[in-house]
Amino acid sequence: MKQYEYLPHTADVKFRAYGKTLEEAFANAATAMFNVMVETKEVKPKVTKTIAAEGTDKESLLQSFLEQFIILLDTDNFFLSKLKNIKINREGKKYSLTAVAAGDEAKNYETVGPQVKACTYNSMLVKQEGKQWIVQVVVDI
């Protein structure tokens, strides 16, 4: 199964990420978002950051989750290498997520594309098809 793919979009970057679990699809979405800016497979997992996000549904959880990485990029100059221990919980109508992100300072890598500025709700999708989860995201560059 492929992790993610980029889709045509006129002005921003649109992608779909896949996973056997919702957590894996979210993790692949984060990787796809960073891969717009840097070759994520080359980023060394030197530093870890704890990620926490909440949402009223899966889409708002995904948006909040990806925004946490944009905040880390802006405040700590952080590029993602990989995600560990990602867990999504649901309590009533509220979703929460925790994860450990491993990565390194952006200054240590050559960027390959534009900087992602925001994660939008435009064309956002979170769904399960058979045994596969699919998330679709448009990020503002």
C-alpha atoms as a PDB file:
ATOM      1  CA  MET A   1       0.000   0.000   0.000  1.00  0.00           C
ATOM      2  CA  LYS A   2       1.333   3.435  -0.889  1.00  0.00           C
ATOM      3  CA  GLN A   3       1.734   5.938   1.942  1.00  0.00           C
ATOM      4  CA  TYR A   4       0.503   9.009   0.067  1.00  0.00           C
ATOM      5  CA  GLU A   5       0.104  10.638  -3.318  1.00  0.00           C
ATOM      6  CA  TYR A   6      -0.065  14.219  -4.516  1.00  0.00           C
ATOM      7  CA  LEU A   7      -3.106  15.335  -6.486  1.00  0.00           C
ATOM      8  CA  PRO A   8      -3.512  18.205  -8.963  1.00  0.00           C
ATOM      9  CA  HIS A   9      -4.367  21.602  -7.465  1.00  0.00           C
ATOM     10  CA  THR A  10      -4.231  25.027  -9.071  1.00  0.00           C
ATOM     11  CA  ALA A  11      -2.550  27.044  -6.314  1.00  0.00           C
ATOM     12  CA  ASP A  12      -1.777  24.938  -3.255  1.00  0.00           C
ATOM     13  CA  VAL A  13      -0.710  21.359  -2.523  1.00  0.00           C
ATOM     14  CA  LYS A  14      -3.315  18.608  -2.312  1.00  0.00           C
ATOM     15  CA  PHE A  15      -2.576  15.059  -1.235  1.00  0.00           C
ATOM     16  CA  ARG A  16      -4.150  11.831  -0.085  1.00  0.00           C
ATOM     17  CA  ALA A  17      -2.564   9.671   2.582  1.00  0.00           C
ATOM     18  CA  TYR A  18      -3.413   6.056   3.290  1.00  0.00           C
ATOM     19  CA  GLY A  19      -3.162   3.651   6.179  1.00  0.00           C
ATOM     20  CA  LYS A  20      -4.342   0.342   7.530  1.00  0.00           C
ATOM     21  CA  THR A  21      -5.386   2.288  10.625  1.00  0.00           C
ATOM     22  CA  LEU A  22      -6.560   5.852  11.116  1.00  0.00           C
ATOM     23  CA  GLU A  23      -3.353   6.533  13.045  1.00  0.00           C
ATOM     24  CA  GLU A  24      -1.223   5.310  10.144  1.00  0.00           C
ATOM     25  CA  ALA A  25      -3.158   7.477   7.677  1.00  0.00           C
ATOM     26  CA  PHE A  26      -2.658  10.542   9.916  1.00  0.00           C
ATOM     27  CA  ALA A  27       1.068   9.767  10.264  1.00  0.00           C
ATOM     28  CA  ASN A  28       1.389   9.433   6.480  1.00  0.00           C
ATOM     29  CA  ALA A  29      -0.440  12.757   6.049  1.00  0.00           C
ATOM     30  CA  ALA A  30       2.131  14.464   8.272  1.00  0.00           C
ATOM     31  CA  THR A  31       4.947  12.901   6.246  1.00  0.00           C
ATOM     32  CA  ALA A  32       3.310  13.998   2.977  1.00  0.00           C
ATOM     33  CA  MET A  33       2.969  17.552   4.288  1.00  0.00           C
ATOM     34  CA  PHE A  34       6.651  17.766   5.257  1.00  0.00           C
ATOM     35  CA  ASN A  35       7.756  16.061   2.066  1.00  0.00           C
ATOM     36  CA  VAL A  36       6.445  19.126   0.210  1.00  0.00           C
ATOM     37  CA  MET A  37       9.274  21.080   1.871  1.00  0.00           C
ATOM     38  CA  VAL A  38      12.073  18.546   2.390  1.00  0.00           C
ATOM     39  CA  GLU A  39      13.024  14.963   1.548  1.00  0.00           C
ATOM     40  CA  THR A  40      11.682  13.514   4.801  1.00  0.00           C
ATOM     41  CA  LYS A  41      13.587  10.242   4.381  1.00  0.00           C
ATOM     42  CA  GLU A  42      16.811  12.272   4.714  1.00  0.00           C
ATOM     43  CA  VAL A  43      15.784  14.061   7.937  1.00  0.00           C
ATOM     44  CA  LYS A  44      17.549  12.513  10.914  1.00  0.00           C
ATOM     45  CA  PRO A  45      15.485  11.704  14.044  1.00  0.00           C
ATOM     46  CA  LYS A  46      17.729  13.701  16.415  1.00  0.00           C
ATOM     47  CA  VAL A  47      15.060  15.463  18.498  1.00  0.00           C
ATOM     48  CA  THR A  48      11.665  14.332  19.744  1.00  0.00           C
ATOM     49  CA  LYS A  49       8.583  16.489  20.243  1.00  0.00           C
ATOM     50  CA  THR A  50       5.299  15.510  21.851  1.00  0.00           C
ATOM     51  CA  ILE A  51       2.251  16.309  19.744  1.00  0.00           C
ATOM     52  CA  ALA A  52      -1.262  16.683  21.126  1.00  0.00           C
ATOM     53  CA  ALA A  53      -4.379  17.619  19.179  1.00  0.00           C
ATOM     54  CA  GLU A  54      -8.130  17.647  19.704  1.00  0.00           C
ATOM     55  CA  GLY A  55     -11.158  17.855  17.465  1.00  0.00           C
ATOM     56  CA  THR A  56     -14.908  17.501  17.428  1.00  0.00           C
ATOM     57  CA  ASP A  57     -14.701  15.080  14.476  1.00  0.00           C
ATOM     58  CA  LYS A  58     -11.989  13.277  12.508  1.00  0.00           C
ATOM     59  CA  GLU A  59     -11.556  16.152  10.051  1.00  0.00           C
ATOM     60  CA  SER A  60     -11.049  18.785  12.755  1.00  0.00           C
ATOM     61  CA  LEU A  61      -8.664  16.394  14.535  1.00  0.00           C
ATOM     62  CA  LEU A  62      -6.626  16.003  11.331  1.00  0.00           C
ATOM     63  CA  GLN A  63      -6.529  19.761  10.786  1.00  0.00           C
ATOM     64  CA  SER A  64      -5.469  20.392  14.400  1.00  0.00           C
ATOM     65  CA  PHE A  65      -2.845  17.629  14.205  1.00  0.00           C
ATOM     66  CA  LEU A  66      -1.221  19.012  11.054  1.00  0.00           C
ATOM     67  CA  GLU A  67      -1.370  22.573  12.389  1.00  0.00           C
ATOM     68  CA  GLN A  68       0.716  21.430  15.392  1.00  0.00           C
ATOM     69  CA  PHE A  69       3.514  20.604  12.961  1.00  0.00           C
ATOM     70  CA  ILE A  70       3.254  23.981  11.271  1.00  0.00           C
ATOM     71  CA  ILE A  71       3.564  25.581  14.712  1.00  0.00           C
ATOM     72  CA  LEU A  72       6.663  23.450  15.414  1.00  0.00           C
ATOM     73  CA  LEU A  73       8.126  24.482  12.074  1.00  0.00           C
ATOM     74  CA  ASP A  74       7.495  28.165  12.813  1.00  0.00           C
ATOM     75  CA  THR A  75       8.588  28.162  16.465  1.00  0.00           C
ATOM     76  CA  ASP A  76      11.294  25.471  16.658  1.00  0.00           C
ATOM     77  CA  ASN A  77      12.385  25.250  13.011  1.00  0.00           C
ATOM     78  CA  PHE A  78      11.433  21.539  13.172  1.00  0.00           C
ATOM     79  CA  PHE A  79      11.365  19.118  10.225  1.00  0.00           C
ATOM     80  CA  LEU A  80       9.663  15.751  10.730  1.00  0.00           C
ATOM     81  CA  SER A  81      11.539  12.499  10.205  1.00  0.00           C
ATOM     82  CA  LYS A  82       8.999  10.018  11.556  1.00  0.00           C
ATOM     83  CA  LEU A  83       6.142   9.622  14.008  1.00  0.00           C
ATOM     84  CA  LYS A  84       6.085   7.200  16.913  1.00  0.00           C
ATOM     85  CA  ASN A  85       3.385   6.102  19.322  1.00  0.00           C
ATOM     86  CA  ILE A  86       0.511   7.872  17.594  1.00  0.00           C
ATOM     87  CA  LYS A  87      -2.772   7.214  19.383  1.00  0.00           C
ATOM     88  CA  ILE A  88      -6.251   8.505  18.585  1.00  0.00           C
ATOM     89  CA  ASN A  89      -8.954   8.335  21.252  1.00  0.00           C
ATOM     90  CA  ARG A  90     -12.624   9.137  21.198  1.00  0.00           C
ATOM     91  CA  GLU A  91     -14.564  10.164  24.274  1.00  0.00           C
ATOM     92  CA  GLY A  92     -18.173  10.941  23.472  1.00  0.00           C
ATOM     93  CA  LYS A  93     -18.131  13.444  20.616  1.00  0.00           C
ATOM     94  CA  LYS A  94     -14.540  14.562  21.200  1.00  0.00           C
ATOM     95  CA  TYR A  95     -11.422  13.142  19.556  1.00  0.00           C
ATOM     96  CA  SER A  96      -7.902  13.490  20.906  1.00  0.00           C
ATOM     97  CA  LEU A  97      -4.526  12.485  19.575  1.00  0.00           C
ATOM     98  CA  THR A  98      -1.080  12.109  21.063  1.00  0.00           C
ATOM     99  CA  ALA A  99       2.126  11.253  19.262  1.00  0.00           C
ATOM    100  CA  VAL A 100       5.870  11.543  19.503  1.00  0.00           C
ATOM    101  CA  ALA A 101       7.501  13.190  16.496  1.00  0.00           C
ATOM    102  CA  ALA A 102      11.168  12.619  15.745  1.00  0.00           C
ATOM    103  CA  GLY A 103      13.017  15.067  13.551  1.00  0.00           C
ATOM    104  CA  ASP A 104      15.693  17.705  13.308  1.00  0.00           C
ATOM    105  CA  GLU A 105      16.241  21.424  12.817  1.00  0.00           C
ATOM    106  CA  ALA A 106      15.293  22.642   9.351  1.00  0.00           C
ATOM    107  CA  LYS A 107      18.541  24.601   9.017  1.00  0.00           C
ATOM    108  CA  ASN A 108      20.399  21.287   8.614  1.00  0.00           C
ATOM    109  CA  TYR A 109      18.581  20.425   5.368  1.00  0.00           C
ATOM    110  CA  GLU A 110      18.143  21.819   1.911  1.00  0.00           C
ATOM    111  CA  THR A 111      14.510  22.499   1.137  1.00  0.00           C
ATOM    112  CA  VAL A 112      13.063  20.989  -2.023  1.00  0.00           C
ATOM    113  CA  GLY A 113       9.851  22.976  -2.202  1.00  0.00           C
ATOM    114  CA  PRO A 114       7.863  25.840  -0.723  1.00  0.00           C
ATOM    115  CA  GLN A 115       7.072  26.222   2.963  1.00  0.00           C
ATOM    116  CA  VAL A 116       3.661  25.031   4.079  1.00  0.00           C
ATOM    117  CA  LYS A 117       1.818  27.908   5.774  1.00  0.00           C
ATOM    118  CA  ALA A 118      -1.471  26.317   6.834  1.00  0.00           C
ATOM    119  CA  CYS A 119      -3.649  23.246   6.663  1.00  0.00           C
ATOM    120  CA  THR A 120      -7.063  24.054   5.214  1.00  0.00           C
ATOM    121  CA  TYR A 121     -10.480  22.409   5.336  1.00  0.00           C
ATOM    122  CA  ASN A 122     -10.753  22.777   1.560  1.00  0.00           C
ATOM    123  CA  SER A 123     -11.491  19.302   0.095  1.00  0.00           C
ATOM    124  CA  MET A 124     -10.614  17.669   3.434  1.00  0.00           C
ATOM    125  CA  LEU A 125     -11.647  14.063   3.667  1.00  0.00           C
ATOM    126  CA  VAL A 126     -11.309  11.312   6.279  1.00  0.00           C
ATOM    127  CA  LYS A 127     -12.926   8.018   5.382  1.00  0.00           C
ATOM    128  CA  GLN A 128     -12.554   4.286   5.588  1.00  0.00           C
ATOM    129  CA  GLU A 129     -12.852   2.200   2.431  1.00  0.00           C
ATOM    130  CA  GLY A 130     -12.816  -1.479   3.221  1.00  0.00           C
ATOM    131  CA  LYS A 131      -9.732  -2.139   5.350  1.00  0.00           C
ATOM    132  CA  GLN A 132      -7.987   1.107   4.333  1.00  0.00           C
ATOM    133  CA  TRP A 133      -8.225   4.619   5.753  1.00  0.00           C
ATOM    134  CA  ILE A 134      -7.914   7.583   3.388  1.00  0.00           C
ATOM    135  CA  VAL A 135      -7.310  11.199   4.362  1.00  0.00           C
ATOM    136  CA  GLN A 136      -7.213  14.057   1.890  1.00  0.00           C
ATOM    137  CA  VAL A 137      -5.713  17.446   2.666  1.00  0.00           C
ATOM    138  CA  VAL A 138      -4.990  20.749   0.953  1.00  0.00           C
ATOM    139  CA  VAL A 139      -2.157  22.790   2.456  1.00  0.00           C
ATOM    140  CA  ASP A 140      -1.565  26.460   1.774  1.00  0.00           C
ATOM    141  CA  ILE A 141       1.917  27.249   0.480  1.00  0.00           C
END
